[in-house]
Amino acid sequence: MTFEEADKIIQVYGKFIEYTHSRLSLLFFCHPPKSMLPYSKEYLLEALEILSKHYKNINDKKRVKLFYEVAYILDDYWEDNEAIKKAVENWSNEKLKNTMIESIKKFHYDWAKLQATSELF
């Protein structure tokens, strides 16, 4: 994989984290299925490693730290069967389900409020 390919892959992954990861984490109780990732975990780790080496070589410690931090997010993703099995189990618990529904409502309310106050929109 080239630096340019790795950079594009991580740009997609960054957008995924920004727009999708938190919603999936709510729906799957912090452990979404691996198949929901935009690329395989191994492919993303390879791209992160390439970029980390590059930025380490030019002494960009801030970016290297960021790459290591986003790599840890990949640990949240479980094998599909396990993630779905655990989510079904959690959604079957009435008290936990009600708590999560409230969390989802709050998340979306806060997100919409942020979008409405952003200068970008």
PDB file of N, CA and C in Angstrom:
ATOM      1  N   MET A   1       0.846  -1.173   0.000  1.00  0.00           N
ATOM      2  CA  MET A   1       0.000   0.000   0.000  1.00  0.00           C
ATOM      3  C   MET A   1       0.892   1.236   0.000  1.00  0.00           C
ATOM      4  N   THR A   2       0.565   2.203  -0.846  1.00  0.00           N
ATOM      5  CA  THR A   2       1.341   3.438  -0.914  1.00  0.00           C
ATOM      6  C   THR A   2       0.862   4.423   0.148  1.00  0.00           C
ATOM      7  N   PHE A   3       1.664   5.456   0.351  1.00  0.00           N
ATOM      8  CA  PHE A   3       1.284   6.511   1.297  1.00  0.00           C
ATOM      9  C   PHE A   3      -0.029   7.160   0.858  1.00  0.00           C
ATOM     10  N   GLU A   4      -0.172   7.433  -0.444  1.00  0.00           N
ATOM     11  CA  GLU A   4      -1.376   8.077  -0.968  1.00  0.00           C
ATOM     12  C   GLU A   4      -2.609   7.207  -0.749  1.00  0.00           C
ATOM     13  N   GLU A   5      -2.476   5.905  -0.972  1.00  0.00           N
ATOM     14  CA  GLU A   5      -3.598   4.990  -0.738  1.00  0.00           C
ATOM     15  C   GLU A   5      -3.959   4.962   0.747  1.00  0.00           C
ATOM     16  N   ALA A   6      -2.938   4.875   1.589  1.00  0.00           N
ATOM     17  CA  ALA A   6      -3.170   4.861   3.036  1.00  0.00           C
ATOM     18  C   ALA A   6      -3.865   6.142   3.477  1.00  0.00           C
ATOM     19  N   ASP A   7      -3.428   7.253   2.930  1.00  0.00           N
ATOM     20  CA  ASP A   7      -4.024   8.542   3.290  1.00  0.00           C
ATOM     21  C   ASP A   7      -5.507   8.587   2.913  1.00  0.00           C
ATOM     22  N   LYS A   8      -5.857   8.124   1.724  1.00  0.00           N
ATOM     23  CA  LYS A   8      -7.267   8.103   1.292  1.00  0.00           C
ATOM     24  C   LYS A   8      -8.100   7.175   2.177  1.00  0.00           C
ATOM     25  N   ILE A   9      -7.547   6.020   2.506  1.00  0.00           N
ATOM     26  CA  ILE A   9      -8.252   5.058   3.361  1.00  0.00           C
ATOM     27  C   ILE A   9      -8.536   5.673   4.724  1.00  0.00           C
ATOM     28  N   ILE A  10      -7.565   6.360   5.284  1.00  0.00           N
ATOM     29  CA  ILE A  10      -7.741   6.947   6.612  1.00  0.00           C
ATOM     30  C   ILE A  10      -8.649   8.176   6.562  1.00  0.00           C
ATOM     31  N   GLN A  11      -8.685   8.868   5.448  1.00  0.00           N
ATOM     32  CA  GLN A  11      -9.660   9.954   5.301  1.00  0.00           C
ATOM     33  C   GLN A  11     -11.081   9.399   5.354  1.00  0.00           C
ATOM     34  N   VAL A  12     -11.313   8.275   4.665  1.00  0.00           N
ATOM     35  CA  VAL A  12     -12.626   7.627   4.700  1.00  0.00           C
ATOM     36  C   VAL A  12     -12.927   7.156   6.122  1.00  0.00           C
ATOM     37  N   TYR A  13     -11.948   6.539   6.760  1.00  0.00           N
ATOM     38  CA  TYR A  13     -12.117   6.055   8.133  1.00  0.00           C
ATOM     39  C   TYR A  13     -12.430   7.219   9.082  1.00  0.00           C
ATOM     40  N   GLY A  14     -11.769   8.339   8.901  1.00  0.00           N
ATOM     41  CA  GLY A  14     -12.024   9.519   9.728  1.00  0.00           C
ATOM     42  C   GLY A  14     -13.460  10.008   9.591  1.00  0.00           C
ATOM     43  N   LYS A  15     -13.962  10.036   8.362  1.00  0.00           N
ATOM     44  CA  LYS A  15     -15.354  10.436   8.145  1.00  0.00           C
ATOM     45  C   LYS A  15     -16.301   9.413   8.764  1.00  0.00           C
ATOM     46  N   PHE A  16     -15.947   8.164   8.662  1.00  0.00           N
ATOM     47  CA  PHE A  16     -16.738   7.098   9.270  1.00  0.00           C
ATOM     48  C   PHE A  16     -16.825   7.300  10.783  1.00  0.00           C
ATOM     49  N   ILE A  17     -15.690   7.562  11.417  1.00  0.00           N
ATOM     50  CA  ILE A  17     -15.670   7.789  12.869  1.00  0.00           C
ATOM     51  C   ILE A  17     -16.541   8.999  13.210  1.00  0.00           C
ATOM     52  N   GLU A  18     -16.385  10.052  12.442  1.00  0.00           N
ATOM     53  CA  GLU A  18     -17.107  11.290  12.718  1.00  0.00           C
ATOM     54  C   GLU A  18     -18.625  11.124  12.592  1.00  0.00           C
ATOM     55  N   TYR A  19     -19.063  10.449  11.560  1.00  0.00           N
ATOM     56  CA  TYR A  19     -20.500  10.413  11.266  1.00  0.00           C
ATOM     57  C   TYR A  19     -21.209   9.114  11.652  1.00  0.00           C
ATOM     58  N   THR A  20     -20.503   8.027  11.792  1.00  0.00           N
ATOM     59  CA  THR A  20     -21.165   6.734  11.936  1.00  0.00           C
ATOM     60  C   THR A  20     -20.835   6.003  13.236  1.00  0.00           C
ATOM     61  N   HIS A  21     -19.611   6.047  13.672  1.00  0.00           N
ATOM     62  CA  HIS A  21     -19.157   5.238  14.805  1.00  0.00           C
ATOM     63  C   HIS A  21     -20.025   5.410  16.055  1.00  0.00           C
ATOM     64  N   SER A  22     -20.299   6.633  16.436  1.00  0.00           N
ATOM     65  CA  SER A  22     -21.048   6.852  17.678  1.00  0.00           C
ATOM     66  C   SER A  22     -22.473   6.308  17.581  1.00  0.00           C
ATOM     67  N   ARG A  23     -23.085   6.407  16.421  1.00  0.00           N
ATOM     68  CA  ARG A  23     -24.445   5.865  16.250  1.00  0.00           C
ATOM     69  C   ARG A  23     -24.430   4.337  16.336  1.00  0.00           C
ATOM     70  N   LEU A  24     -23.457   3.730  15.681  1.00  0.00           N
ATOM     71  CA  LEU A  24     -23.348   2.273  15.745  1.00  0.00           C
ATOM     72  C   LEU A  24     -23.072   1.810  17.172  1.00  0.00           C
ATOM     73  N   SER A  25     -22.243   2.556  17.869  1.00  0.00           N
ATOM     74  CA  SER A  25     -21.923   2.197  19.255  1.00  0.00           C
ATOM     75  C   SER A  25     -23.172   2.232  20.128  1.00  0.00           C
ATOM     76  N   LEU A  26     -24.043   3.196  19.892  1.00  0.00           N
ATOM     77  CA  LEU A  26     -25.292   3.250  20.649  1.00  0.00           C
ATOM     78  C   LEU A  26     -26.190   2.061  20.310  1.00  0.00           C
ATOM     79  N   LEU A  27     -26.330   1.768  19.050  1.00  0.00           N
ATOM     80  CA  LEU A  27     -27.226   0.682  18.643  1.00  0.00           C
ATOM     81  C   LEU A  27     -26.721  -0.690  19.061  1.00  0.00           C
ATOM     82  N   PHE A  28     -25.410  -0.854  19.072  1.00  0.00           N
ATOM     83  CA  PHE A  28     -24.819  -2.156  19.399  1.00  0.00           C
ATOM     84  C   PHE A  28     -24.166  -2.175  20.777  1.00  0.00           C
ATOM     85  N   PHE A  29     -24.513  -1.212  21.629  1.00  0.00           N
ATOM     86  CA  PHE A  29     -23.997  -1.178  23.000  1.00  0.00           C
ATOM     87  C   PHE A  29     -22.462  -1.225  23.025  1.00  0.00           C
ATOM     88  N   CYS A  30     -21.863  -0.354  22.251  1.00  0.00           N
ATOM     89  CA  CYS A  30     -20.401  -0.139  22.218  1.00  0.00           C
ATOM     90  C   CYS A  30     -19.621  -1.155  21.395  1.00  0.00           C
ATOM     91  N   HIS A  31     -20.266  -2.176  20.860  1.00  0.00           N
ATOM     92  CA  HIS A  31     -19.514  -3.185  20.116  1.00  0.00           C
ATOM     93  C   HIS A  31     -20.197  -3.537  18.794  1.00  0.00           C
ATOM     94  N   PRO A  32     -20.080  -2.630  17.805  1.00  0.00           N
ATOM     95  CA  PRO A  32     -20.681  -2.913  16.496  1.00  0.00           C
ATOM     96  C   PRO A  32     -19.966  -4.071  15.792  1.00  0.00           C
ATOM     97  N   PRO A  33     -20.642  -4.672  14.818  1.00  0.00           N
ATOM     98  CA  PRO A  33     -20.009  -5.751  14.045  1.00  0.00           C
ATOM     99  C   PRO A  33     -18.870  -5.216  13.167  1.00  0.00           C
ATOM    100  N   LYS A  34     -17.837  -6.015  13.023  1.00  0.00           N
ATOM    101  CA  LYS A  34     -16.696  -5.628  12.189  1.00  0.00           C
ATOM    102  C   LYS A  34     -17.102  -5.330  10.749  1.00  0.00           C
ATOM    103  N   SER A  35     -18.146  -6.006  10.272  1.00  0.00           N
ATOM    104  CA  SER A  35     -18.560  -5.808   8.880  1.00  0.00           C
ATOM    105  C   SER A  35     -19.091  -4.399   8.635  1.00  0.00           C
ATOM    106  N   MET A  36     -19.331  -3.628   9.678  1.00  0.00           N
ATOM    107  CA  MET A  36     -19.814  -2.258   9.533  1.00  0.00           C
ATOM    108  C   MET A  36     -18.670  -1.277   9.237  1.00  0.00           C
ATOM    109  N   LEU A  37     -17.448  -1.697   9.474  1.00  0.00           N
ATOM    110  CA  LEU A  37     -16.297  -0.835   9.183  1.00  0.00           C
ATOM    111  C   LEU A  37     -16.194  -0.591   7.672  1.00  0.00           C
ATOM    112  N   PRO A  38     -15.652   0.569   7.268  1.00  0.00           N
ATOM    113  CA  PRO A  38     -15.540   0.843   5.834  1.00  0.00           C
ATOM    114  C   PRO A  38     -14.505  -0.039   5.124  1.00  0.00           C
ATOM    115  N   TYR A  39     -13.548  -0.555   5.866  1.00  0.00           N
ATOM    116  CA  TYR A  39     -12.529  -1.487   5.377  1.00  0.00           C
ATOM    117  C   TYR A  39     -12.269  -2.496   6.490  1.00  0.00           C
ATOM    118  N   SER A  40     -11.588  -3.564   6.184  1.00  0.00           N
ATOM    119  CA  SER A  40     -11.270  -4.539   7.222  1.00  0.00           C
ATOM    120  C   SER A  40     -10.364  -3.894   8.272  1.00  0.00           C
ATOM    121  N   LYS A  41     -10.437  -4.421   9.475  1.00  0.00           N
ATOM    122  CA  LYS A  41      -9.610  -3.922  10.572  1.00  0.00           C
ATOM    123  C   LYS A  41      -8.126  -4.000  10.199  1.00  0.00           C
ATOM    124  N   GLU A  42      -7.731  -5.097   9.585  1.00  0.00           N
ATOM    125  CA  GLU A  42      -6.324  -5.297   9.198  1.00  0.00           C
ATOM    126  C   GLU A  42      -5.871  -4.248   8.181  1.00  0.00           C
ATOM    127  N   TYR A  43      -6.738  -3.954   7.219  1.00  0.00           N
ATOM    128  CA  TYR A  43      -6.432  -2.972   6.178  1.00  0.00           C
ATOM    129  C   TYR A  43      -6.304  -1.571   6.782  1.00  0.00           C
ATOM    130  N   LEU A  44      -7.208  -1.251   7.694  1.00  0.00           N
ATOM    131  CA  LEU A  44      -7.136   0.044   8.365  1.00  0.00           C
ATOM    132  C   LEU A  44      -5.877   0.162   9.216  1.00  0.00           C
ATOM    133  N   LEU A  45      -5.527  -0.907   9.922  1.00  0.00           N
ATOM    134  CA  LEU A  45      -4.301  -0.881  10.734  1.00  0.00           C
ATOM    135  C   LEU A  45      -3.057  -0.724   9.866  1.00  0.00           C
ATOM    136  N   GLU A  46      -3.047  -1.368   8.721  1.00  0.00           N
ATOM    137  CA  GLU A  46      -1.915  -1.225   7.791  1.00  0.00           C
ATOM    138  C   GLU A  46      -1.795   0.226   7.331  1.00  0.00           C
ATOM    139  N   ALA A  47      -2.915   0.829   6.970  1.00  0.00           N
ATOM    140  CA  ALA A  47      -2.897   2.227   6.528  1.00  0.00           C
ATOM    141  C   ALA A  47      -2.453   3.152   7.655  1.00  0.00           C
ATOM    142  N   LEU A  48      -2.951   2.919   8.854  1.00  0.00           N
ATOM    143  CA  LEU A  48      -2.546   3.735  10.006  1.00  0.00           C
ATOM    144  C   LEU A  48      -1.057   3.601  10.288  1.00  0.00           C
ATOM    145  N   GLU A  49      -0.533   2.396  10.140  1.00  0.00           N
ATOM    146  CA  GLU A  49       0.898   2.165  10.373  1.00  0.00           C
ATOM    147  C   GLU A  49       1.755   2.932   9.359  1.00  0.00           C
ATOM    148  N   ILE A  50       1.344   2.907   8.099  1.00  0.00           N
ATOM    149  CA  ILE A  50       2.084   3.622   7.049  1.00  0.00           C
ATOM    150  C   ILE A  50       2.098   5.123   7.345  1.00  0.00           C
ATOM    151  N   LEU A  51       0.945   5.667   7.678  1.00  0.00           N
ATOM    152  CA  LEU A  51       0.882   7.102   7.964  1.00  0.00           C
ATOM    153  C   LEU A  51       1.635   7.451   9.245  1.00  0.00           C
ATOM    154  N   SER A  52       1.524   6.603  10.255  1.00  0.00           N
ATOM    155  CA  SER A  52       2.239   6.853  11.510  1.00  0.00           C
ATOM    156  C   SER A  52       3.749   6.897  11.290  1.00  0.00           C
ATOM    157  N   LYS A  53       4.261   5.951  10.500  1.00  0.00           N
ATOM    158  CA  LYS A  53       5.706   5.936  10.213  1.00  0.00           C
ATOM    159  C   LYS A  53       6.126   7.214   9.491  1.00  0.00           C
ATOM    160  N   HIS A  54       5.325   7.612   8.513  1.00  0.00           N
ATOM    161  CA  HIS A  54       5.644   8.827   7.749  1.00  0.00           C
ATOM    162  C   HIS A  54       5.704  10.045   8.673  1.00  0.00           C
ATOM    163  N   TYR A  55       4.674  10.207   9.482  1.00  0.00           N
ATOM    164  CA  TYR A  55       4.625  11.388  10.346  1.00  0.00           C
ATOM    165  C   TYR A  55       5.612  11.309  11.502  1.00  0.00           C
ATOM    166  N   LYS A  56       5.964  10.117  11.903  1.00  0.00           N
ATOM    167  CA  LYS A  56       7.022   9.964  12.913  1.00  0.00           C
ATOM    168  C   LYS A  56       8.360  10.417  12.323  1.00  0.00           C
ATOM    169  N   ASN A  57       8.599  10.081  11.056  1.00  0.00           N
ATOM    170  CA  ASN A  57       9.843  10.469  10.384  1.00  0.00           C
ATOM    171  C   ASN A  57       9.986  11.977  10.234  1.00  0.00           C
ATOM    172  N   ILE A  58       8.873  12.691  10.122  1.00  0.00           N
ATOM    173  CA  ILE A  58       8.964  14.150  10.001  1.00  0.00           C
ATOM    174  C   ILE A  58       8.663  14.834  11.344  1.00  0.00           C
ATOM    175  N   ASN A  59       8.633  14.021  12.410  1.00  0.00           N
ATOM    176  CA  ASN A  59       8.507  14.495  13.791  1.00  0.00           C
ATOM    177  C   ASN A  59       7.176  15.213  14.076  1.00  0.00           C
ATOM    178  N   ASP A  60       6.111  14.737  13.462  1.00  0.00           N
ATOM    179  CA  ASP A  60       4.777  15.288  13.729  1.00  0.00           C
ATOM    180  C   ASP A  60       4.129  14.422  14.818  1.00  0.00           C
ATOM    181  N   LYS A  61       4.548  14.663  16.057  1.00  0.00           N
ATOM    182  CA  LYS A  61       4.110  13.841  17.194  1.00  0.00           C
ATOM    183  C   LYS A  61       2.601  13.919  17.421  1.00  0.00           C
ATOM    184  N   LYS A  62       2.014  15.063  17.158  1.00  0.00           N
ATOM    185  CA  LYS A  62       0.583  15.248  17.371  1.00  0.00           C
ATOM    186  C   LYS A  62      -0.228  14.314  16.454  1.00  0.00           C
ATOM    187  N   ARG A  63       0.173  14.240  15.205  1.00  0.00           N
ATOM    188  CA  ARG A  63      -0.554  13.387  14.264  1.00  0.00           C
ATOM    189  C   ARG A  63      -0.315  11.905  14.555  1.00  0.00           C
ATOM    190  N   VAL A  64       0.899  11.557  14.936  1.00  0.00           N
ATOM    191  CA  VAL A  64       1.205  10.165  15.292  1.00  0.00           C
ATOM    192  C   VAL A  64       0.328   9.734  16.467  1.00  0.00           C
ATOM    193  N   LYS A  65       0.220  10.592  17.471  1.00  0.00           N
ATOM    194  CA  LYS A  65      -0.626  10.285  18.637  1.00  0.00           C
ATOM    195  C   LYS A  65      -2.079  10.093  18.201  1.00  0.00           C
ATOM    196  N   LEU A  66      -2.560  10.942  17.319  1.00  0.00           N
ATOM    197  CA  LEU A  66      -3.933  10.830  16.829  1.00  0.00           C
ATOM    198  C   LEU A  66      -4.159   9.492  16.124  1.00  0.00           C
ATOM    199  N   PHE A  67      -3.204   9.053  15.312  1.00  0.00           N
ATOM    200  CA  PHE A  67      -3.351   7.776  14.605  1.00  0.00           C
ATOM    201  C   PHE A  67      -3.418   6.605  15.585  1.00  0.00           C
ATOM    202  N   TYR A  68      -2.624   6.660  16.630  1.00  0.00           N
ATOM    203  CA  TYR A  68      -2.678   5.592  17.629  1.00  0.00           C
ATOM    204  C   TYR A  68      -4.013   5.604  18.373  1.00  0.00           C
ATOM    205  N   GLU A  69      -4.532   6.794  18.637  1.00  0.00           N
ATOM    206  CA  GLU A  69      -5.821   6.895  19.325  1.00  0.00           C
ATOM    207  C   GLU A  69      -6.965   6.346  18.473  1.00  0.00           C
ATOM    208  N   VAL A  70      -6.976   6.670  17.176  1.00  0.00           N
ATOM    209  CA  VAL A  70      -8.069   6.166  16.330  1.00  0.00           C
ATOM    210  C   VAL A  70      -7.920   4.674  16.049  1.00  0.00           C
ATOM    211  N   ALA A  71      -6.721   4.155  16.170  1.00  0.00           N
ATOM    212  CA  ALA A  71      -6.531   2.708  16.005  1.00  0.00           C
ATOM    213  C   ALA A  71      -7.235   1.952  17.136  1.00  0.00           C
ATOM    214  N   TYR A  72      -7.265   2.533  18.327  1.00  0.00           N
ATOM    215  CA  TYR A  72      -7.916   1.875  19.467  1.00  0.00           C
ATOM    216  C   TYR A  72      -9.423   1.729  19.264  1.00  0.00           C
ATOM    217  N   ILE A  73     -10.007   2.610  18.480  1.00  0.00           N
ATOM    218  CA  ILE A  73     -11.447   2.515  18.204  1.00  0.00           C
ATOM    219  C   ILE A  73     -11.772   1.189  17.533  1.00  0.00           C
ATOM    220  N   LEU A  74     -10.835   0.669  16.761  1.00  0.00           N
ATOM    221  CA  LEU A  74     -11.067  -0.603  16.064  1.00  0.00           C
ATOM    222  C   LEU A  74     -11.316  -1.751  17.035  1.00  0.00           C
ATOM    223  N   ASP A  75     -10.791  -1.639  18.249  1.00  0.00           N
ATOM    224  CA  ASP A  75     -11.019  -2.686  19.263  1.00  0.00           C
ATOM    225  C   ASP A  75     -12.485  -2.777  19.679  1.00  0.00           C
ATOM    226  N   ASP A  76     -13.248  -1.709  19.447  1.00  0.00           N
ATOM    227  CA  ASP A  76     -14.675  -1.723  19.783  1.00  0.00           C
ATOM    228  C   ASP A  76     -15.468  -2.669  18.881  1.00  0.00           C
ATOM    229  N   TYR A  77     -14.941  -2.958  17.707  1.00  0.00           N
ATOM    230  CA  TYR A  77     -15.671  -3.754  16.721  1.00  0.00           C
ATOM    231  C   TYR A  77     -15.421  -5.237  16.942  1.00  0.00           C
ATOM    232  N   TRP A  78     -16.511  -5.975  17.125  1.00  0.00           N
ATOM    233  CA  TRP A  78     -16.459  -7.409  17.407  1.00  0.00           C
ATOM    234  C   TRP A  78     -16.823  -8.200  16.157  1.00  0.00           C
ATOM    235  N   GLU A  79     -16.521  -9.481  16.216  1.00  0.00           N
ATOM    236  CA  GLU A  79     -16.973 -10.386  15.153  1.00  0.00           C
ATOM    237  C   GLU A  79     -18.490 -10.245  15.038  1.00  0.00           C
ATOM    238  N   ASP A  80     -18.993 -10.311  13.826  1.00  0.00           N
ATOM    239  CA  ASP A  80     -20.408 -10.034  13.572  1.00  0.00           C
ATOM    240  C   ASP A  80     -21.356 -10.839  14.461  1.00  0.00           C
ATOM    241  N   ASN A  81     -21.168 -12.136  14.523  1.00  0.00           N
ATOM    242  CA  ASN A  81     -22.083 -12.978  15.308  1.00  0.00           C
ATOM    243  C   ASN A  81     -22.102 -12.592  16.771  1.00  0.00           C
ATOM    244  N   GLU A  82     -20.931 -12.323  17.325  1.00  0.00           N
ATOM    245  CA  GLU A  82     -20.852 -11.954  18.737  1.00  0.00           C
ATOM    246  C   GLU A  82     -21.483 -10.586  18.994  1.00  0.00           C
ATOM    247  N   ALA A  83     -21.218  -9.636  18.111  1.00  0.00           N
ATOM    248  CA  ALA A  83     -21.768  -8.290  18.288  1.00  0.00           C
ATOM    249  C   ALA A  83     -23.295  -8.315  18.214  1.00  0.00           C
ATOM    250  N   ILE A  84     -23.824  -9.033  17.259  1.00  0.00           N
ATOM    251  CA  ILE A  84     -25.278  -9.103  17.095  1.00  0.00           C
ATOM    252  C   ILE A  84     -25.918  -9.869  18.251  1.00  0.00           C
ATOM    253  N   LYS A  85     -25.296 -10.969  18.642  1.00  0.00           N
ATOM    254  CA  LYS A  85     -25.816 -11.760  19.767  1.00  0.00           C
ATOM    255  C   LYS A  85     -25.880 -10.906  21.035  1.00  0.00           C
ATOM    256  N   LYS A  86     -24.827 -10.157  21.303  1.00  0.00           N
ATOM    257  CA  LYS A  86     -24.784  -9.319  22.508  1.00  0.00           C
ATOM    258  C   LYS A  86     -25.797  -8.176  22.409  1.00  0.00           C
ATOM    259  N   ALA A  87     -25.948  -7.585  21.234  1.00  0.00           N
ATOM    260  CA  ALA A  87     -26.909  -6.503  21.062  1.00  0.00           C
ATOM    261  C   ALA A  87     -28.340  -7.006  21.289  1.00  0.00           C
ATOM    262  N   VAL A  88     -28.655  -8.176  20.744  1.00  0.00           N
ATOM    263  CA  VAL A  88     -29.989  -8.751  20.934  1.00  0.00           C
ATOM    264  C   VAL A  88     -30.234  -9.011  22.418  1.00  0.00           C
ATOM    265  N   GLU A  89     -29.229  -9.539  23.075  1.00  0.00           N
ATOM    266  CA  GLU A  89     -29.332  -9.801  24.515  1.00  0.00           C
ATOM    267  C   GLU A  89     -29.583  -8.502  25.281  1.00  0.00           C
ATOM    268  N   ASN A  90     -28.823  -7.463  24.936  1.00  0.00           N
ATOM    269  CA  ASN A  90     -28.971  -6.179  25.627  1.00  0.00           C
ATOM    270  C   ASN A  90     -30.310  -5.518  25.323  1.00  0.00           C
ATOM    271  N   TRP A  91     -30.751  -5.577  24.075  1.00  0.00           N
ATOM    272  CA  TRP A  91     -32.033  -4.965  23.713  1.00  0.00           C
ATOM    273  C   TRP A  91     -33.204  -5.735  24.322  1.00  0.00           C
ATOM    274  N   SER A  92     -32.991  -6.969  24.722  1.00  0.00           N
ATOM    275  CA  SER A  92     -34.047  -7.766  25.367  1.00  0.00           C
ATOM    276  C   SER A  92     -34.235  -7.403  26.832  1.00  0.00           C
ATOM    277  N   ASN A  93     -33.271  -6.733  27.400  1.00  0.00           N
ATOM    278  CA  ASN A  93     -33.358  -6.281  28.796  1.00  0.00           C
ATOM    279  C   ASN A  93     -34.147  -4.959  28.802  1.00  0.00           C
ATOM    280  N   GLU A  94     -35.334  -4.987  29.336  1.00  0.00           N
ATOM    281  CA  GLU A  94     -36.254  -3.834  29.268  1.00  0.00           C
ATOM    282  C   GLU A  94     -35.662  -2.558  29.875  1.00  0.00           C
ATOM    283  N   LYS A  95     -35.044  -2.677  31.028  1.00  0.00           N
ATOM    284  CA  LYS A  95     -34.461  -1.502  31.694  1.00  0.00           C
ATOM    285  C   LYS A  95     -33.313  -0.921  30.860  1.00  0.00           C
ATOM    286  N   LEU A  96     -32.449  -1.792  30.396  1.00  0.00           N
ATOM    287  CA  LEU A  96     -31.324  -1.351  29.569  1.00  0.00           C
ATOM    288  C   LEU A  96     -31.818  -0.758  28.248  1.00  0.00           C
ATOM    289  N   LYS A  97     -32.825  -1.389  27.660  1.00  0.00           N
ATOM    290  CA  LYS A  97     -33.397  -0.890  26.407  1.00  0.00           C
ATOM    291  C   LYS A  97     -33.929   0.535  26.581  1.00  0.00           C
ATOM    292  N   ASN A  98     -34.679   0.767  27.648  1.00  0.00           N
ATOM    293  CA  ASN A  98     -35.229   2.104  27.883  1.00  0.00           C
ATOM    294  C   ASN A  98     -34.135   3.142  28.101  1.00  0.00           C
ATOM    295  N   THR A  99     -33.092   2.750  28.808  1.00  0.00           N
ATOM    296  CA  THR A  99     -31.956   3.643  29.021  1.00  0.00           C
ATOM    297  C   THR A  99     -31.288   3.988  27.694  1.00  0.00           C
ATOM    298  N   MET A 100     -31.105   2.988  26.852  1.00  0.00           N
ATOM    299  CA  MET A 100     -30.449   3.227  25.561  1.00  0.00           C
ATOM    300  C   MET A 100     -31.317   4.072  24.633  1.00  0.00           C
ATOM    301  N   ILE A 101     -32.617   3.855  24.658  1.00  0.00           N
ATOM    302  CA  ILE A 101     -33.509   4.667  23.826  1.00  0.00           C
ATOM    303  C   ILE A 101     -33.402   6.135  24.229  1.00  0.00           C
ATOM    304  N   GLU A 102     -33.353   6.395  25.507  1.00  0.00           N
ATOM    305  CA  GLU A 102     -33.185   7.775  25.977  1.00  0.00           C
ATOM    306  C   GLU A 102     -31.822   8.331  25.546  1.00  0.00           C
ATOM    307  N   SER A 103     -30.791   7.513  25.608  1.00  0.00           N
ATOM    308  CA  SER A 103     -29.455   7.945  25.174  1.00  0.00           C
ATOM    309  C   SER A 103     -29.439   8.272  23.688  1.00  0.00           C
ATOM    310  N   ILE A 104     -30.108   7.462  22.898  1.00  0.00           N
ATOM    311  CA  ILE A 104     -30.176   7.701  21.445  1.00  0.00           C
ATOM    312  C   ILE A 104     -30.929   9.000  21.164  1.00  0.00           C
ATOM    313  N   LYS A 105     -32.051   9.208  21.843  1.00  0.00           N
ATOM    314  CA  LYS A 105     -32.813  10.446  21.651  1.00  0.00           C
ATOM    315  C   LYS A 105     -31.965  11.664  22.009  1.00  0.00           C
ATOM    316  N   LYS A 106     -31.265  11.583  23.145  1.00  0.00           N
ATOM    317  CA  LYS A 106     -30.411  12.696  23.563  1.00  0.00           C
ATOM    318  C   LYS A 106     -29.287  12.935  22.570  1.00  0.00           C
ATOM    319  N   PHE A 107     -28.671  11.856  22.099  1.00  0.00           N
ATOM    320  CA  PHE A 107     -27.592  11.981  21.126  1.00  0.00           C
ATOM    321  C   PHE A 107     -28.084  12.719  19.889  1.00  0.00           C
ATOM    322  N   HIS A 108     -29.226  12.307  19.348  1.00  0.00           N
ATOM    323  CA  HIS A 108     -29.735  12.932  18.129  1.00  0.00           C
ATOM    324  C   HIS A 108     -30.195  14.369  18.370  1.00  0.00           C
ATOM    325  N   TYR A 109     -30.785  14.634  19.521  1.00  0.00           N
ATOM    326  CA  TYR A 109     -31.177  15.999  19.853  1.00  0.00           C
ATOM    327  C   TYR A 109     -29.940  16.894  19.931  1.00  0.00           C
ATOM    328  N   ASP A 110     -28.905  16.436  20.633  1.00  0.00           N
ATOM    329  CA  ASP A 110     -27.672  17.216  20.771  1.00  0.00           C
ATOM    330  C   ASP A 110     -27.005  17.427  19.419  1.00  0.00           C
ATOM    331  N   TRP A 111     -27.012  16.397  18.588  1.00  0.00           N
ATOM    332  CA  TRP A 111     -26.398  16.496  17.261  1.00  0.00           C
ATOM    333  C   TRP A 111     -27.148  17.524  16.414  1.00  0.00           C
ATOM    334  N   ALA A 112     -28.472  17.457  16.402  1.00  0.00           N
ATOM    335  CA  ALA A 112     -29.276  18.395  15.613  1.00  0.00           C
ATOM    336  C   ALA A 112     -29.081  19.826  16.114  1.00  0.00           C
ATOM    337  N   LYS A 113     -29.019  19.999  17.425  1.00  0.00           N
ATOM    338  CA  LYS A 113     -28.807  21.316  18.010  1.00  0.00           C
ATOM    339  C   LYS A 113     -27.450  21.881  17.581  1.00  0.00           C
ATOM    340  N   LEU A 114     -26.436  21.031  17.602  1.00  0.00           N
ATOM    341  CA  LEU A 114     -25.103  21.446  17.181  1.00  0.00           C
ATOM    342  C   LEU A 114     -25.093  21.861  15.713  1.00  0.00           C
ATOM    343  N   GLN A 115     -25.763  21.080  14.876  1.00  0.00           N
ATOM    344  CA  GLN A 115     -25.807  21.402  13.448  1.00  0.00           C
ATOM    345  C   GLN A 115     -26.512  22.735  13.206  1.00  0.00           C
ATOM    346  N   ALA A 116     -27.564  22.996  13.948  1.00  0.00           N
ATOM    347  CA  ALA A 116     -28.333  24.224  13.773  1.00  0.00           C
ATOM    348  C   ALA A 116     -27.558  25.459  14.209  1.00  0.00           C
ATOM    349  N   THR A 117     -26.618  25.292  15.122  1.00  0.00           N
ATOM    350  CA  THR A 117     -25.846  26.437  15.620  1.00  0.00           C
ATOM    351  C   THR A 117     -24.495  26.576  14.929  1.00  0.00           C
ATOM    352  N   SER A 118     -24.167  25.623  14.066  1.00  0.00           N
ATOM    353  CA  SER A 118     -22.872  25.655  13.392  1.00  0.00           C
ATOM    354  C   SER A 118     -22.876  26.688  12.272  1.00  0.00           C
ATOM    355  N   GLU A 119     -21.768  27.366  12.114  1.00  0.00           N
ATOM    356  CA  GLU A 119     -21.632  28.354  11.041  1.00  0.00           C
ATOM    357  C   GLU A 119     -21.559  27.665   9.668  1.00  0.00           C
ATOM    358  N   LEU A 120     -21.286  26.376   9.666  1.00  0.00           N
ATOM    359  CA  LEU A 120     -21.193  25.645   8.410  1.00  0.00           C
ATOM    360  C   LEU A 120     -22.553  25.405   7.777  1.00  0.00           C
ATOM    361  N   PHE A 121     -23.625  25.480   8.570  1.00  0.00           N
ATOM    362  CA  PHE A 121     -24.976  25.180   8.078  1.00  0.00           C
ATOM    363  C   PHE A 121     -25.872  26.387   8.121  1.00  0.00           C
TER     364      PHE A 121
END
